[in-house]
Amino acid sequence: MAAHQPRIGLAAEDFVAARLVADGWEVLDRRWRGASGELDLVVLRGGQLRFVEVKARATRDSLGLESIDERKQSRLVAAAEAWCDTHPSRGAELGFLVALVSLCPDGWIVEWLDDAID
């Protein structure tokens, strides 16, 4: 799986973006890169702005939220702050949404963890 991980990761991001759009979210940015780090997705719905971290994993892989360690969380927060510095937040409630995506024989499965990062 390691050799195909970038492709699986991109496919997982595409799947998550499509699911969020179907649920009424507007995708403002994808794979945004700043000096502080990278954001997989930035989405808006109503008064909620979410910075989405997508984690693709094998179904037998128990790693999920645990893989977003303190260092990764700090980089995500710094990237989100940098994104906000260059984009008007429109007074939205800010938060982090983690999407844990597994590829199963029947297709993709996603587990959502809202406000997963302080």
C-alpha atoms as a PDB file:
ATOM      1  CA  MET A   1       0.000   0.000   0.000  1.00  0.00           C
ATOM      2  CA  ALA A   2       2.908   2.364   0.664  1.00  0.00           C
ATOM      3  CA  ALA A   3       3.836   2.682  -3.010  1.00  0.00           C
ATOM      4  CA  HIS A   4       0.313   3.798  -3.845  1.00  0.00           C
ATOM      5  CA  GLN A   5      -0.221   5.978  -0.761  1.00  0.00           C
ATOM      6  CA  PRO A   6      -0.067   9.378  -2.560  1.00  0.00           C
ATOM      7  CA  ARG A   7      -2.659   8.220  -5.091  1.00  0.00           C
ATOM      8  CA  ILE A   8      -4.873   6.759  -2.362  1.00  0.00           C
ATOM      9  CA  GLY A   9      -4.507   9.952  -0.335  1.00  0.00           C
ATOM     10  CA  LEU A  10      -5.586  12.103  -3.281  1.00  0.00           C
ATOM     11  CA  ALA A  11      -8.501   9.791  -4.049  1.00  0.00           C
ATOM     12  CA  ALA A  12      -9.553   9.954  -0.376  1.00  0.00           C
ATOM     13  CA  GLU A  13      -9.454  13.775  -0.512  1.00  0.00           C
ATOM     14  CA  ASP A  14     -11.601  13.710  -3.655  1.00  0.00           C
ATOM     15  CA  PHE A  15     -14.085  11.382  -1.948  1.00  0.00           C
ATOM     16  CA  VAL A  16     -14.266  13.561   1.180  1.00  0.00           C
ATOM     17  CA  ALA A  17     -14.690  16.748  -0.879  1.00  0.00           C
ATOM     18  CA  ALA A  18     -17.539  15.166  -2.848  1.00  0.00           C
ATOM     19  CA  ARG A  19     -19.256  13.989   0.348  1.00  0.00           C
ATOM     20  CA  LEU A  20     -18.951  17.434   1.927  1.00  0.00           C
ATOM     21  CA  VAL A  21     -20.369  19.146  -1.186  1.00  0.00           C
ATOM     22  CA  ALA A  22     -23.261  16.656  -1.188  1.00  0.00           C
ATOM     23  CA  ASP A  23     -23.888  17.635   2.450  1.00  0.00           C
ATOM     24  CA  GLY A  24     -24.110  21.319   1.534  1.00  0.00           C
ATOM     25  CA  TRP A  25     -20.550  22.466   2.220  1.00  0.00           C
ATOM     26  CA  GLU A  26     -18.774  24.811  -0.186  1.00  0.00           C
ATOM     27  CA  VAL A  27     -15.131  23.938  -0.878  1.00  0.00           C
ATOM     28  CA  LEU A  28     -13.128  27.153  -0.611  1.00  0.00           C
ATOM     29  CA  ASP A  29      -9.674  25.607  -0.993  1.00  0.00           C
ATOM     30  CA  ARG A  30      -8.055  22.255  -1.721  1.00  0.00           C
ATOM     31  CA  ARG A  31      -4.491  21.311  -0.896  1.00  0.00           C
ATOM     32  CA  TRP A  32      -3.750  24.870   0.251  1.00  0.00           C
ATOM     33  CA  ARG A  33      -0.077  25.424   1.020  1.00  0.00           C
ATOM     34  CA  GLY A  34       1.391  28.222   3.066  1.00  0.00           C
ATOM     35  CA  ALA A  35       4.688  28.811   4.805  1.00  0.00           C
ATOM     36  CA  SER A  36       3.269  27.231   7.966  1.00  0.00           C
ATOM     37  CA  GLY A  37       1.954  24.042   6.399  1.00  0.00           C
ATOM     38  CA  GLU A  38      -0.759  22.486   4.273  1.00  0.00           C
ATOM     39  CA  LEU A  39      -4.527  22.188   4.571  1.00  0.00           C
ATOM     40  CA  ASP A  40      -6.238  19.344   2.724  1.00  0.00           C
ATOM     41  CA  LEU A  41      -9.604  21.130   2.427  1.00  0.00           C
ATOM     42  CA  VAL A  42     -11.169  24.354   3.627  1.00  0.00           C
ATOM     43  CA  VAL A  43     -14.978  24.250   3.593  1.00  0.00           C
ATOM     44  CA  LEU A  44     -17.838  26.567   4.519  1.00  0.00           C
ATOM     45  CA  ARG A  45     -21.487  25.901   5.305  1.00  0.00           C
ATOM     46  CA  GLY A  46     -23.714  28.525   6.839  1.00  0.00           C
ATOM     47  CA  GLY A  47     -21.675  30.145   9.562  1.00  0.00           C
ATOM     48  CA  GLN A  48     -19.209  27.273   9.945  1.00  0.00           C
ATOM     49  CA  LEU A  49     -15.729  27.231   8.429  1.00  0.00           C
ATOM     50  CA  ARG A  50     -13.839  23.958   8.754  1.00  0.00           C
ATOM     51  CA  PHE A  51     -10.234  23.082   8.048  1.00  0.00           C
ATOM     52  CA  VAL A  52     -10.392  19.440   6.990  1.00  0.00           C
ATOM     53  CA  GLU A  53      -7.590  16.950   7.543  1.00  0.00           C
ATOM     54  CA  VAL A  54      -8.069  13.776   5.500  1.00  0.00           C
ATOM     55  CA  LYS A  55      -6.386  10.601   6.722  1.00  0.00           C
ATOM     56  CA  ALA A  56      -6.531   7.620   4.368  1.00  0.00           C
ATOM     57  CA  ARG A  57      -5.929   4.259   5.984  1.00  0.00           C
ATOM     58  CA  ALA A  58      -6.197   0.562   5.313  1.00  0.00           C
ATOM     59  CA  THR A  59      -9.223  -1.045   6.950  1.00  0.00           C
ATOM     60  CA  ARG A  60      -6.996  -3.127   9.193  1.00  0.00           C
ATOM     61  CA  ASP A  61      -5.029  -0.046  10.224  1.00  0.00           C
ATOM     62  CA  SER A  62      -6.142   1.162  13.638  1.00  0.00           C
ATOM     63  CA  LEU A  63      -4.308   4.470  13.297  1.00  0.00           C
ATOM     64  CA  GLY A  64      -6.587   7.415  12.884  1.00  0.00           C
ATOM     65  CA  LEU A  65      -6.738  10.418  15.108  1.00  0.00           C
ATOM     66  CA  GLU A  66      -3.649   9.064  16.914  1.00  0.00           C
ATOM     67  CA  SER A  67      -1.654   9.748  13.753  1.00  0.00           C
ATOM     68  CA  ILE A  68      -2.315  13.467  14.170  1.00  0.00           C
ATOM     69  CA  ASP A  69       0.236  14.038  16.904  1.00  0.00           C
ATOM     70  CA  GLU A  70       0.947  17.277  18.756  1.00  0.00           C
ATOM     71  CA  ARG A  71       3.468  18.426  16.153  1.00  0.00           C
ATOM     72  CA  LYS A  72       0.992  17.801  13.281  1.00  0.00           C
ATOM     73  CA  GLN A  73      -1.744  19.604  15.224  1.00  0.00           C
ATOM     74  CA  SER A  74       0.533  22.628  15.718  1.00  0.00           C
ATOM     75  CA  ARG A  75       1.277  22.736  11.981  1.00  0.00           C
ATOM     76  CA  LEU A  76      -2.439  22.498  11.146  1.00  0.00           C
ATOM     77  CA  VAL A  77      -3.284  25.330  13.531  1.00  0.00           C
ATOM     78  CA  ALA A  78      -0.475  27.485  12.112  1.00  0.00           C
ATOM     79  CA  ALA A  79      -1.622  26.757   8.544  1.00  0.00           C
ATOM     80  CA  ALA A  80      -5.224  27.605   9.458  1.00  0.00           C
ATOM     81  CA  GLU A  81      -4.093  30.894  11.009  1.00  0.00           C
ATOM     82  CA  ALA A  82      -2.093  31.698   7.864  1.00  0.00           C
ATOM     83  CA  TRP A  83      -5.110  30.871   5.686  1.00  0.00           C
ATOM     84  CA  CYS A  84      -7.296  33.172   7.798  1.00  0.00           C
ATOM     85  CA  ASP A  85      -4.714  35.967   7.466  1.00  0.00           C
ATOM     86  CA  THR A  86      -5.219  35.942   3.692  1.00  0.00           C
ATOM     87  CA  HIS A  87      -8.938  35.130   3.511  1.00  0.00           C
ATOM     88  CA  PRO A  88     -11.853  36.912   5.133  1.00  0.00           C
ATOM     89  CA  SER A  89     -13.520  34.541   7.599  1.00  0.00           C
ATOM     90  CA  ARG A  90     -16.912  36.196   7.144  1.00  0.00           C
ATOM     91  CA  GLY A  91     -17.437  35.956  10.902  1.00  0.00           C
ATOM     92  CA  ALA A  92     -17.658  32.184  10.628  1.00  0.00           C
ATOM     93  CA  GLU A  93     -17.208  29.751  13.489  1.00  0.00           C
ATOM     94  CA  LEU A  94     -13.800  28.152  12.899  1.00  0.00           C
ATOM     95  CA  GLY A  95     -12.966  24.529  13.600  1.00  0.00           C
ATOM     96  CA  PHE A  96     -11.120  21.438  12.477  1.00  0.00           C
ATOM     97  CA  LEU A  97     -12.773  18.417  10.917  1.00  0.00           C
ATOM     98  CA  VAL A  98     -10.840  15.180  10.606  1.00  0.00           C
ATOM     99  CA  ALA A  99     -12.014  12.650   8.026  1.00  0.00           C
ATOM    100  CA  LEU A 100     -10.688   9.142   8.633  1.00  0.00           C
ATOM    101  CA  VAL A 101     -11.137   7.342   5.321  1.00  0.00           C
ATOM    102  CA  SER A 102     -10.818   3.598   4.789  1.00  0.00           C
ATOM    103  CA  LEU A 103     -10.810   1.815   1.464  1.00  0.00           C
ATOM    104  CA  CYS A 104     -12.872  -1.365   1.785  1.00  0.00           C
ATOM    105  CA  PRO A 105     -13.795  -3.977  -0.813  1.00  0.00           C
ATOM    106  CA  ASP A 106     -17.197  -2.280  -1.160  1.00  0.00           C
ATOM    107  CA  GLY A 107     -15.744   1.236  -1.518  1.00  0.00           C
ATOM    108  CA  TRP A 108     -14.827   4.124   0.751  1.00  0.00           C
ATOM    109  CA  ILE A 109     -15.959   4.497   4.351  1.00  0.00           C
ATOM    110  CA  VAL A 110     -15.474   7.765   6.238  1.00  0.00           C
ATOM    111  CA  GLU A 111     -15.540   8.533   9.947  1.00  0.00           C
ATOM    112  CA  TRP A 112     -15.978  12.237  10.805  1.00  0.00           C
ATOM    113  CA  LEU A 113     -14.407  13.837  13.869  1.00  0.00           C
ATOM    114  CA  ASP A 114     -15.551  17.452  14.190  1.00  0.00           C
ATOM    115  CA  ASP A 115     -13.657  19.859  16.453  1.00  0.00           C
ATOM    116  CA  ALA A 116     -10.981  17.188  16.776  1.00  0.00           C
ATOM    117  CA  ILE A 117      -8.163  19.702  17.245  1.00  0.00           C
ATOM    118  CA  ASP A 118      -8.165  22.525  19.790  1.00  0.00           C
END
